[in-house]
Amino acid sequence: MKLWSGIGAVLLVSYFLLRGSPLLHQSPRYVKLAHQITAKMAKKFYAEKKLKTIGTGGGMMRDIQMMAMSFGFYQEVNLAQARELATYAVKEYLAAINADPEIKPYLHDDPFTAKNVEIRIWFFQPDGRKLPSGKIDYVCVLEGELRYYSDLTDPSLVRTIHREKYEQALQKVSSRL
């Protein structure tokens, strides 16, 4: 009897330890589709613009509410160049998401818009060091708005350089071409 209760205890403990394990957890299909699109876009962004993917994410509790990518870019940029990189990333990411027929049924908002993606780009010197004070070292697209910052690594100096709606930024980029 002690043997059976000991085996039962080991099995019960094993179940609870493995319950959170990836071996027993399967991601929903829509999460896998989102990861596939993001992986494809990471390759494209690096090949075309040298945007190096350093993080991905999203909001996917019951459906796909948001998808996110973060990048490192190893070159100093001005406001116009930061704007061009951020709008390029949003535009191309949205095009890939909205063009994929398999993911469409899982999108919370169809079509996805700039409010459904988050893009973050950190800027560094070519050797990986931080940029001099006062230079744009971070741009993000959150909830359809571009935000540009300098001195992000020093909390006492952080300042917002500029903010604009995605649509306004896209118009500015388009008018330059």
N, C-alpha and C. Protein backbone atom coordinates (compact mmCIF):
# COMPACT_ATOMS: atom_id res chain seq x y z
N MET A 1 0.82 -1.20 0.00
CA MET A 1 0.00 0.00 0.00
C MET A 1 0.86 1.26 0.00
N LYS A 2 1.95 1.25 0.82
CA LYS A 2 2.84 2.40 0.86
C LYS A 2 3.48 2.64 -0.50
N LEU A 3 3.78 1.54 -1.20
CA LEU A 3 4.39 1.65 -2.52
C LEU A 3 3.47 2.40 -3.48
N TRP A 4 2.18 2.04 -3.48
CA TRP A 4 1.23 2.70 -4.39
C TRP A 4 1.02 4.16 -4.04
N SER A 5 0.98 4.45 -2.74
CA SER A 5 0.79 5.86 -2.37
C SER A 5 2.05 6.67 -2.71
N GLY A 6 3.22 6.07 -2.61
CA GLY A 6 4.47 6.73 -2.99
C GLY A 6 4.52 6.99 -4.49
N ILE A 7 4.10 5.99 -5.28
CA ILE A 7 4.06 6.16 -6.74
C ILE A 7 3.04 7.23 -7.11
N GLY A 8 1.90 7.21 -6.45
CA GLY A 8 0.87 8.21 -6.71
C GLY A 8 1.36 9.62 -6.39
N ALA A 9 2.08 9.76 -5.29
CA ALA A 9 2.61 11.07 -4.91
C ALA A 9 3.63 11.56 -5.95
N VAL A 10 4.50 10.67 -6.42
CA VAL A 10 5.50 11.03 -7.43
C VAL A 10 4.81 11.45 -8.73
N LEU A 11 3.79 10.70 -9.13
CA LEU A 11 3.06 11.04 -10.35
C LEU A 11 2.34 12.38 -10.21
N LEU A 12 1.75 12.61 -9.08
CA LEU A 12 1.04 13.86 -8.84
C LEU A 12 2.00 15.06 -8.86
N VAL A 13 3.12 14.94 -8.18
CA VAL A 13 4.12 16.01 -8.17
C VAL A 13 4.66 16.22 -9.58
N SER A 14 4.93 15.14 -10.32
CA SER A 14 5.43 15.26 -11.69
C SER A 14 4.43 15.99 -12.58
N TYR A 15 3.17 15.67 -12.43
CA TYR A 15 2.13 16.33 -13.22
C TYR A 15 2.16 17.84 -12.98
N PHE A 16 2.19 18.24 -11.71
CA PHE A 16 2.17 19.67 -11.41
C PHE A 16 3.45 20.38 -11.85
N LEU A 17 4.58 19.70 -11.82
CA LEU A 17 5.82 20.30 -12.28
C LEU A 17 5.84 20.45 -13.80
N LEU A 18 5.31 19.46 -14.50
CA LEU A 18 5.32 19.48 -15.96
C LEU A 18 4.16 20.26 -16.56
N ARG A 19 3.15 20.57 -15.76
CA ARG A 19 1.96 21.24 -16.27
C ARG A 19 2.31 22.56 -16.95
N GLY A 20 3.26 23.30 -16.43
CA GLY A 20 3.68 24.56 -17.04
C GLY A 20 4.76 24.37 -18.09
N SER A 21 5.16 23.14 -18.31
CA SER A 21 6.23 22.85 -19.25
C SER A 21 5.76 22.99 -20.69
N PRO A 22 6.66 23.45 -21.57
CA PRO A 22 6.32 23.54 -22.99
C PRO A 22 5.97 22.18 -23.60
N LEU A 23 6.39 21.10 -22.94
CA LEU A 23 6.08 19.76 -23.46
C LEU A 23 4.58 19.49 -23.43
N LEU A 24 3.88 20.07 -22.47
CA LEU A 24 2.45 19.85 -22.35
C LEU A 24 1.62 21.01 -22.90
N HIS A 25 2.25 22.12 -23.25
CA HIS A 25 1.52 23.30 -23.71
C HIS A 25 1.69 23.48 -25.21
N GLN A 26 0.60 23.65 -25.90
CA GLN A 26 0.62 23.92 -27.33
C GLN A 26 0.07 25.33 -27.55
N SER A 27 0.84 26.15 -28.24
CA SER A 27 0.37 27.50 -28.56
C SER A 27 -0.80 27.40 -29.54
N PRO A 28 -1.76 28.31 -29.42
CA PRO A 28 -2.87 28.31 -30.38
C PRO A 28 -2.34 28.58 -31.80
N ARG A 29 -3.10 28.16 -32.78
CA ARG A 29 -2.70 28.31 -34.18
C ARG A 29 -2.40 29.77 -34.53
N TYR A 30 -3.21 30.69 -34.03
CA TYR A 30 -3.02 32.09 -34.38
C TYR A 30 -1.69 32.63 -33.85
N VAL A 31 -1.23 32.13 -32.72
CA VAL A 31 0.06 32.56 -32.17
C VAL A 31 1.18 32.07 -33.09
N LYS A 32 1.07 30.84 -33.56
CA LYS A 32 2.08 30.30 -34.49
C LYS A 32 2.09 31.08 -35.80
N LEU A 33 0.92 31.43 -36.31
CA LEU A 33 0.85 32.22 -37.54
C LEU A 33 1.48 33.60 -37.34
N ALA A 34 1.21 34.21 -36.20
CA ALA A 34 1.80 35.53 -35.91
C ALA A 34 3.32 35.43 -35.85
N HIS A 35 3.83 34.37 -35.21
CA HIS A 35 5.28 34.18 -35.13
C HIS A 35 5.89 33.97 -36.51
N GLN A 36 5.20 33.25 -37.38
CA GLN A 36 5.71 33.01 -38.73
C GLN A 36 5.83 34.32 -39.51
N ILE A 37 4.80 35.13 -39.44
CA ILE A 37 4.82 36.43 -40.14
C ILE A 37 5.95 37.30 -39.58
N THR A 38 6.06 37.34 -38.26
CA THR A 38 7.09 38.17 -37.62
C THR A 38 8.49 37.69 -38.01
N ALA A 39 8.71 36.40 -38.04
CA ALA A 39 10.03 35.86 -38.41
C ALA A 39 10.36 36.20 -39.87
N LYS A 40 9.37 36.09 -40.74
CA LYS A 40 9.58 36.45 -42.15
C LYS A 40 9.92 37.93 -42.28
N MET A 41 9.22 38.77 -41.53
CA MET A 41 9.46 40.21 -41.61
C MET A 41 10.81 40.58 -41.00
N ALA A 42 11.25 39.87 -39.97
CA ALA A 42 12.56 40.15 -39.37
C ALA A 42 13.66 39.99 -40.42
N LYS A 43 13.57 38.95 -41.22
CA LYS A 43 14.56 38.73 -42.29
C LYS A 43 14.50 39.85 -43.32
N LYS A 44 13.30 40.22 -43.71
CA LYS A 44 13.12 41.28 -44.71
C LYS A 44 13.66 42.62 -44.19
N PHE A 45 13.32 42.97 -42.95
CA PHE A 45 13.75 44.24 -42.39
C PHE A 45 15.28 44.33 -42.32
N TYR A 46 15.92 43.22 -41.98
CA TYR A 46 17.38 43.25 -41.92
C TYR A 46 17.98 43.35 -43.32
N ALA A 47 17.44 42.57 -44.25
CA ALA A 47 17.96 42.57 -45.62
C ALA A 47 17.80 43.92 -46.29
N GLU A 48 16.67 44.57 -46.07
CA GLU A 48 16.38 45.82 -46.77
C GLU A 48 16.87 47.07 -46.06
N LYS A 49 16.85 47.09 -44.72
CA LYS A 49 17.17 48.32 -43.99
C LYS A 49 18.20 48.14 -42.88
N LYS A 50 18.70 46.94 -42.70
CA LYS A 50 19.67 46.65 -41.63
C LYS A 50 19.07 46.88 -40.24
N LEU A 51 17.75 46.68 -40.12
CA LEU A 51 17.09 46.71 -38.82
C LEU A 51 17.26 45.33 -38.20
N LYS A 52 18.00 45.25 -37.11
CA LYS A 52 18.30 43.98 -36.46
C LYS A 52 17.25 43.71 -35.37
N THR A 53 16.49 42.65 -35.54
CA THR A 53 15.44 42.31 -34.58
C THR A 53 16.06 41.93 -33.24
N ILE A 54 15.60 42.60 -32.19
CA ILE A 54 16.09 42.29 -30.85
C ILE A 54 14.95 41.86 -29.91
N GLY A 55 13.71 41.89 -30.41
CA GLY A 55 12.59 41.46 -29.59
C GLY A 55 11.30 41.42 -30.38
N THR A 56 10.41 40.56 -29.96
CA THR A 56 9.09 40.46 -30.58
C THR A 56 8.07 40.24 -29.47
N GLY A 57 6.82 40.47 -29.80
CA GLY A 57 5.78 40.27 -28.81
C GLY A 57 4.41 40.49 -29.40
N GLY A 58 3.44 40.59 -28.51
CA GLY A 58 2.09 40.83 -28.98
C GLY A 58 1.08 40.70 -27.88
N GLY A 59 -0.15 41.01 -28.22
CA GLY A 59 -1.29 40.84 -27.33
C GLY A 59 -2.20 39.81 -27.98
N MET A 60 -2.20 38.59 -27.45
CA MET A 60 -2.89 37.48 -28.12
C MET A 60 -3.60 36.57 -27.13
N MET A 61 -4.43 37.15 -26.28
CA MET A 61 -5.10 36.32 -25.28
C MET A 61 -6.15 35.40 -25.90
N ARG A 62 -7.10 35.92 -26.61
CA ARG A 62 -8.14 35.09 -27.24
C ARG A 62 -8.15 35.23 -28.75
N ASP A 63 -7.48 36.27 -29.22
CA ASP A 63 -7.30 36.54 -30.64
C ASP A 63 -6.07 37.43 -30.75
N ILE A 64 -5.77 37.92 -31.93
CA ILE A 64 -4.58 38.75 -32.09
C ILE A 64 -5.00 40.21 -32.04
N GLN A 65 -4.70 40.84 -30.93
CA GLN A 65 -5.06 42.25 -30.74
C GLN A 65 -3.91 43.17 -31.14
N MET A 66 -2.67 42.69 -30.99
CA MET A 66 -1.51 43.52 -31.27
C MET A 66 -0.31 42.62 -31.55
N MET A 67 0.55 43.08 -32.46
CA MET A 67 1.82 42.40 -32.73
C MET A 67 2.93 43.43 -32.63
N ALA A 68 4.11 43.01 -32.14
CA ALA A 68 5.19 43.97 -31.87
C ALA A 68 6.54 43.43 -32.30
N MET A 69 7.39 44.36 -32.73
CA MET A 69 8.78 44.05 -33.06
C MET A 69 9.67 45.18 -32.54
N SER A 70 10.86 44.81 -32.06
CA SER A 70 11.85 45.79 -31.61
C SER A 70 13.15 45.56 -32.37
N PHE A 71 13.85 46.66 -32.65
CA PHE A 71 15.05 46.58 -33.47
C PHE A 71 16.19 47.40 -32.88
N GLY A 72 17.40 47.00 -33.27
CA GLY A 72 18.58 47.82 -33.06
C GLY A 72 19.02 48.30 -34.43
N PHE A 73 19.41 49.56 -34.52
CA PHE A 73 19.90 50.13 -35.78
C PHE A 73 21.23 50.82 -35.45
N TYR A 74 22.28 50.39 -36.12
CA TYR A 74 23.63 50.79 -35.75
C TYR A 74 24.17 51.90 -36.65
N GLN A 75 23.49 53.04 -36.53
CA GLN A 75 23.88 54.22 -37.30
C GLN A 75 23.14 55.41 -36.70
N GLU A 76 23.79 56.54 -36.63
CA GLU A 76 23.14 57.75 -36.15
C GLU A 76 22.13 58.22 -37.20
N VAL A 77 20.98 58.72 -36.74
CA VAL A 77 19.94 59.19 -37.66
C VAL A 77 19.44 60.56 -37.23
N ASN A 78 18.88 61.27 -38.19
CA ASN A 78 18.18 62.51 -37.85
C ASN A 78 16.69 62.19 -37.78
N LEU A 79 15.88 63.18 -37.50
CA LEU A 79 14.44 62.97 -37.34
C LEU A 79 13.81 62.38 -38.60
N ALA A 80 14.15 62.89 -39.77
CA ALA A 80 13.57 62.40 -41.03
C ALA A 80 13.95 60.94 -41.27
N GLN A 81 15.18 60.56 -40.95
CA GLN A 81 15.61 59.17 -41.15
C GLN A 81 14.93 58.24 -40.14
N ALA A 82 14.79 58.68 -38.91
CA ALA A 82 14.09 57.87 -37.90
C ALA A 82 12.64 57.67 -38.30
N ARG A 83 12.02 58.73 -38.78
CA ARG A 83 10.63 58.68 -39.25
C ARG A 83 10.49 57.67 -40.40
N GLU A 84 11.43 57.74 -41.36
CA GLU A 84 11.36 56.86 -42.52
C GLU A 84 11.50 55.39 -42.10
N LEU A 85 12.41 55.09 -41.19
CA LEU A 85 12.58 53.71 -40.72
C LEU A 85 11.34 53.22 -39.97
N ALA A 86 10.80 54.04 -39.09
CA ALA A 86 9.64 53.62 -38.30
C ALA A 86 8.40 53.43 -39.17
N THR A 87 8.14 54.37 -40.08
CA THR A 87 6.96 54.23 -40.94
C THR A 87 7.12 53.07 -41.91
N TYR A 88 8.34 52.85 -42.39
CA TYR A 88 8.61 51.71 -43.26
C TYR A 88 8.26 50.41 -42.52
N ALA A 89 8.75 50.28 -41.29
CA ALA A 89 8.51 49.05 -40.52
C ALA A 89 7.02 48.83 -40.28
N VAL A 90 6.31 49.88 -39.90
CA VAL A 90 4.87 49.75 -39.64
C VAL A 90 4.14 49.37 -40.93
N LYS A 91 4.42 50.09 -42.00
CA LYS A 91 3.73 49.87 -43.27
C LYS A 91 3.94 48.45 -43.79
N GLU A 92 5.18 47.98 -43.77
CA GLU A 92 5.49 46.64 -44.27
C GLU A 92 4.94 45.55 -43.37
N TYR A 93 5.02 45.75 -42.07
CA TYR A 93 4.49 44.77 -41.10
C TYR A 93 2.98 44.65 -41.27
N LEU A 94 2.30 45.79 -41.37
CA LEU A 94 0.85 45.77 -41.58
C LEU A 94 0.49 45.10 -42.90
N ALA A 95 1.23 45.37 -43.95
CA ALA A 95 0.95 44.77 -45.26
C ALA A 95 1.07 43.25 -45.17
N ALA A 96 2.09 42.75 -44.49
CA ALA A 96 2.28 41.30 -44.36
C ALA A 96 1.16 40.67 -43.54
N ILE A 97 0.78 41.32 -42.46
CA ILE A 97 -0.29 40.78 -41.61
C ILE A 97 -1.62 40.78 -42.36
N ASN A 98 -1.97 41.90 -42.94
CA ASN A 98 -3.28 42.03 -43.60
C ASN A 98 -3.38 41.22 -44.89
N ALA A 99 -2.26 40.85 -45.50
CA ALA A 99 -2.29 40.08 -46.74
C ALA A 99 -2.34 38.58 -46.49
N ASP A 100 -2.17 38.16 -45.27
CA ASP A 100 -2.13 36.72 -44.97
C ASP A 100 -3.54 36.18 -44.70
N PRO A 101 -4.08 35.39 -45.62
CA PRO A 101 -5.47 34.92 -45.45
C PRO A 101 -5.65 33.97 -44.26
N GLU A 102 -4.59 33.28 -43.86
CA GLU A 102 -4.71 32.34 -42.74
C GLU A 102 -4.88 33.05 -41.40
N ILE A 103 -4.28 34.22 -41.26
CA ILE A 103 -4.33 34.91 -39.97
C ILE A 103 -5.57 35.80 -39.83
N LYS A 104 -6.16 36.18 -40.96
CA LYS A 104 -7.30 37.11 -40.95
C LYS A 104 -8.42 36.74 -39.96
N PRO A 105 -8.85 35.48 -39.89
CA PRO A 105 -9.95 35.16 -38.96
C PRO A 105 -9.59 35.38 -37.49
N TYR A 106 -8.30 35.47 -37.19
CA TYR A 106 -7.86 35.61 -35.80
C TYR A 106 -7.55 37.06 -35.41
N LEU A 107 -7.60 37.98 -36.36
CA LEU A 107 -7.30 39.38 -36.06
C LEU A 107 -8.47 40.02 -35.31
N HIS A 108 -8.17 40.65 -34.21
CA HIS A 108 -9.20 41.34 -33.43
C HIS A 108 -9.82 42.47 -34.25
N ASP A 109 -8.97 43.19 -34.97
CA ASP A 109 -9.41 44.25 -35.87
C ASP A 109 -8.94 43.87 -37.27
N ASP A 110 -9.87 43.77 -38.20
CA ASP A 110 -9.53 43.44 -39.58
C ASP A 110 -10.05 44.54 -40.48
N PRO A 111 -9.18 45.29 -41.12
CA PRO A 111 -7.73 45.09 -41.19
C PRO A 111 -7.03 45.66 -39.96
N PHE A 112 -5.82 45.15 -39.72
CA PHE A 112 -4.95 45.72 -38.69
C PHE A 112 -4.54 47.12 -39.13
N THR A 113 -4.38 48.02 -38.17
CA THR A 113 -3.92 49.39 -38.46
C THR A 113 -2.69 49.68 -37.60
N ALA A 114 -2.17 50.88 -37.71
CA ALA A 114 -1.00 51.28 -36.91
C ALA A 114 -1.28 51.19 -35.41
N LYS A 115 -2.55 51.20 -35.03
CA LYS A 115 -2.88 51.06 -33.61
C LYS A 115 -2.75 49.62 -33.12
N ASN A 116 -2.61 48.68 -34.06
CA ASN A 116 -2.50 47.26 -33.70
C ASN A 116 -1.07 46.72 -33.74
N VAL A 117 -0.11 47.57 -34.07
CA VAL A 117 1.28 47.11 -34.06
C VAL A 117 2.12 48.07 -33.21
N GLU A 118 3.16 47.52 -32.65
CA GLU A 118 4.13 48.33 -31.92
C GLU A 118 5.49 48.09 -32.54
N ILE A 119 6.17 49.18 -32.88
CA ILE A 119 7.52 49.12 -33.44
C ILE A 119 8.40 49.96 -32.54
N ARG A 120 9.54 49.41 -32.17
CA ARG A 120 10.51 50.13 -31.34
C ARG A 120 11.88 49.99 -31.99
N ILE A 121 12.57 51.12 -32.14
CA ILE A 121 13.90 51.09 -32.74
C ILE A 121 14.86 51.86 -31.83
N TRP A 122 15.92 51.17 -31.38
CA TRP A 122 16.99 51.81 -30.62
C TRP A 122 18.14 52.07 -31.57
N PHE A 123 18.71 53.26 -31.48
CA PHE A 123 19.81 53.66 -32.35
C PHE A 123 21.12 53.65 -31.57
N PHE A 124 22.16 53.13 -32.23
CA PHE A 124 23.49 53.02 -31.63
C PHE A 124 24.54 53.47 -32.64
N GLN A 125 25.74 53.69 -32.16
CA GLN A 125 26.85 53.92 -33.06
C GLN A 125 27.18 52.60 -33.76
N PRO A 126 27.86 52.64 -34.90
CA PRO A 126 28.17 51.40 -35.63
C PRO A 126 28.89 50.34 -34.78
N ASP A 127 29.67 50.78 -33.80
CA ASP A 127 30.37 49.81 -32.94
C ASP A 127 29.53 49.35 -31.75
N GLY A 128 28.28 49.79 -31.68
CA GLY A 128 27.37 49.35 -30.63
C GLY A 128 27.30 50.26 -29.41
N ARG A 129 28.17 51.25 -29.36
CA ARG A 129 28.12 52.18 -28.22
C ARG A 129 26.92 53.11 -28.35
N LYS A 130 26.54 53.69 -27.20
CA LYS A 130 25.40 54.62 -27.24
C LYS A 130 25.80 55.89 -27.97
N LEU A 131 24.80 56.58 -28.48
CA LEU A 131 25.02 57.80 -29.23
C LEU A 131 25.32 58.96 -28.29
N PRO A 132 25.99 60.01 -28.80
CA PRO A 132 26.24 61.19 -27.96
C PRO A 132 24.94 61.82 -27.47
N SER A 133 25.03 62.51 -26.37
CA SER A 133 23.87 63.18 -25.79
C SER A 133 23.23 64.13 -26.80
N GLY A 134 21.90 64.15 -26.81
CA GLY A 134 21.16 65.04 -27.69
C GLY A 134 20.75 64.40 -29.01
N LYS A 135 21.30 63.25 -29.34
CA LYS A 135 20.95 62.55 -30.58
C LYS A 135 19.72 61.68 -30.35
N ILE A 136 18.98 61.43 -31.41
CA ILE A 136 17.84 60.52 -31.31
C ILE A 136 18.39 59.12 -31.06
N ASP A 137 18.01 58.53 -29.93
CA ASP A 137 18.48 57.17 -29.68
C ASP A 137 17.35 56.16 -29.56
N TYR A 138 16.12 56.63 -29.77
CA TYR A 138 14.98 55.70 -29.68
C TYR A 138 13.78 56.33 -30.37
N VAL A 139 13.07 55.52 -31.16
CA VAL A 139 11.79 55.91 -31.73
C VAL A 139 10.85 54.73 -31.53
N CYS A 140 9.62 55.02 -31.20
CA CYS A 140 8.64 53.95 -31.05
C CYS A 140 7.33 54.36 -31.71
N VAL A 141 6.60 53.36 -32.13
CA VAL A 141 5.25 53.57 -32.65
C VAL A 141 4.33 52.81 -31.71
N LEU A 142 3.56 53.57 -30.95
CA LEU A 142 2.64 53.00 -29.97
C LEU A 142 1.27 53.62 -30.17
N GLU A 143 0.26 52.78 -30.28
CA GLU A 143 -1.12 53.23 -30.45
C GLU A 143 -1.27 54.25 -31.58
N GLY A 144 -0.54 54.00 -32.68
CA GLY A 144 -0.66 54.85 -33.86
C GLY A 144 0.07 56.18 -33.78
N GLU A 145 0.99 56.32 -32.83
CA GLU A 145 1.74 57.56 -32.69
C GLU A 145 3.24 57.27 -32.65
N LEU A 146 4.01 58.08 -33.39
CA LEU A 146 5.47 57.99 -33.36
C LEU A 146 5.98 58.92 -32.27
N ARG A 147 6.92 58.41 -31.48
CA ARG A 147 7.52 59.19 -30.40
C ARG A 147 9.04 59.05 -30.51
N TYR A 148 9.73 60.17 -30.52
CA TYR A 148 11.18 60.20 -30.69
C TYR A 148 11.81 60.69 -29.39
N TYR A 149 12.88 60.02 -28.95
CA TYR A 149 13.51 60.37 -27.68
C TYR A 149 15.03 60.49 -27.84
N SER A 150 15.63 61.25 -26.95
CA SER A 150 17.09 61.29 -26.86
C SER A 150 17.49 61.02 -25.41
N ASP A 151 18.72 60.59 -25.25
CA ASP A 151 19.31 60.34 -23.93
C ASP A 151 18.49 59.36 -23.09
N LEU A 152 17.97 58.34 -23.76
CA LEU A 152 17.09 57.38 -23.08
C LEU A 152 17.83 56.59 -22.00
N THR A 153 19.14 56.44 -22.12
CA THR A 153 19.87 55.64 -21.14
C THR A 153 20.18 56.41 -19.85
N ASP A 154 19.91 57.70 -19.83
CA ASP A 154 20.15 58.51 -18.63
C ASP A 154 18.83 59.11 -18.16
N PRO A 155 18.20 58.51 -17.14
CA PRO A 155 16.88 58.98 -16.69
C PRO A 155 16.82 60.47 -16.36
N SER A 156 17.92 61.05 -15.96
CA SER A 156 17.90 62.48 -15.61
C SER A 156 17.90 63.38 -16.85
N LEU A 157 18.26 62.82 -18.01
CA LEU A 157 18.35 63.62 -19.23
C LEU A 157 17.28 63.30 -20.28
N VAL A 158 16.56 62.20 -20.11
CA VAL A 158 15.61 61.75 -21.13
C VAL A 158 14.68 62.89 -21.53
N ARG A 159 14.54 63.05 -22.85
CA ARG A 159 13.59 64.05 -23.31
C ARG A 159 12.93 63.57 -24.59
N THR A 160 11.68 63.96 -24.72
CA THR A 160 10.94 63.68 -25.94
C THR A 160 11.30 64.75 -26.95
N ILE A 161 11.77 64.32 -28.11
CA ILE A 161 12.15 65.26 -29.15
C ILE A 161 10.94 65.66 -29.99
N HIS A 162 10.09 64.68 -30.29
CA HIS A 162 8.97 64.97 -31.20
C HIS A 162 7.94 63.86 -31.06
N ARG A 163 6.68 64.19 -31.33
CA ARG A 163 5.57 63.22 -31.38
C ARG A 163 4.71 63.56 -32.58
N GLU A 164 4.21 62.52 -33.24
CA GLU A 164 3.30 62.75 -34.37
C GLU A 164 2.49 61.48 -34.63
N LYS A 165 1.32 61.65 -35.18
CA LYS A 165 0.47 60.52 -35.56
C LYS A 165 1.12 59.78 -36.72
N TYR A 166 0.90 58.48 -36.78
CA TYR A 166 1.48 57.67 -37.84
C TYR A 166 1.08 58.19 -39.22
N GLU A 167 -0.18 58.54 -39.40
CA GLU A 167 -0.65 59.02 -40.70
C GLU A 167 0.08 60.29 -41.13
N GLN A 168 0.34 61.19 -40.18
CA GLN A 168 1.08 62.42 -40.49
C GLN A 168 2.52 62.09 -40.88
N ALA A 169 3.14 61.19 -40.15
CA ALA A 169 4.51 60.79 -40.45
C ALA A 169 4.59 60.14 -41.83
N LEU A 170 3.62 59.30 -42.14
CA LEU A 170 3.59 58.62 -43.44
C LEU A 170 3.45 59.63 -44.57
N GLN A 171 2.62 60.65 -44.38
CA GLN A 171 2.47 61.72 -45.39
C GLN A 171 3.79 62.46 -45.60
N LYS A 172 4.49 62.76 -44.51
CA LYS A 172 5.77 63.45 -44.62
C LYS A 172 6.79 62.63 -45.39
N VAL A 173 6.82 61.33 -45.11
CA VAL A 173 7.76 60.44 -45.81
C VAL A 173 7.38 60.35 -47.28
N SER A 174 6.10 60.20 -47.56
CA SER A 174 5.63 60.09 -48.95
C SER A 174 5.93 61.36 -49.75
N SER A 175 5.80 62.51 -49.11
CA SER A 175 6.04 63.77 -49.83
C SER A 175 7.52 63.98 -50.13
N ARG A 176 8.40 63.31 -49.38
CA ARG A 176 9.84 63.42 -49.64
C ARG A 176 10.28 62.56 -50.81
N LEU A 177 9.50 61.54 -51.13
CA LEU A 177 9.91 60.60 -52.20
C LEU A 177 9.63 61.13 -53.57
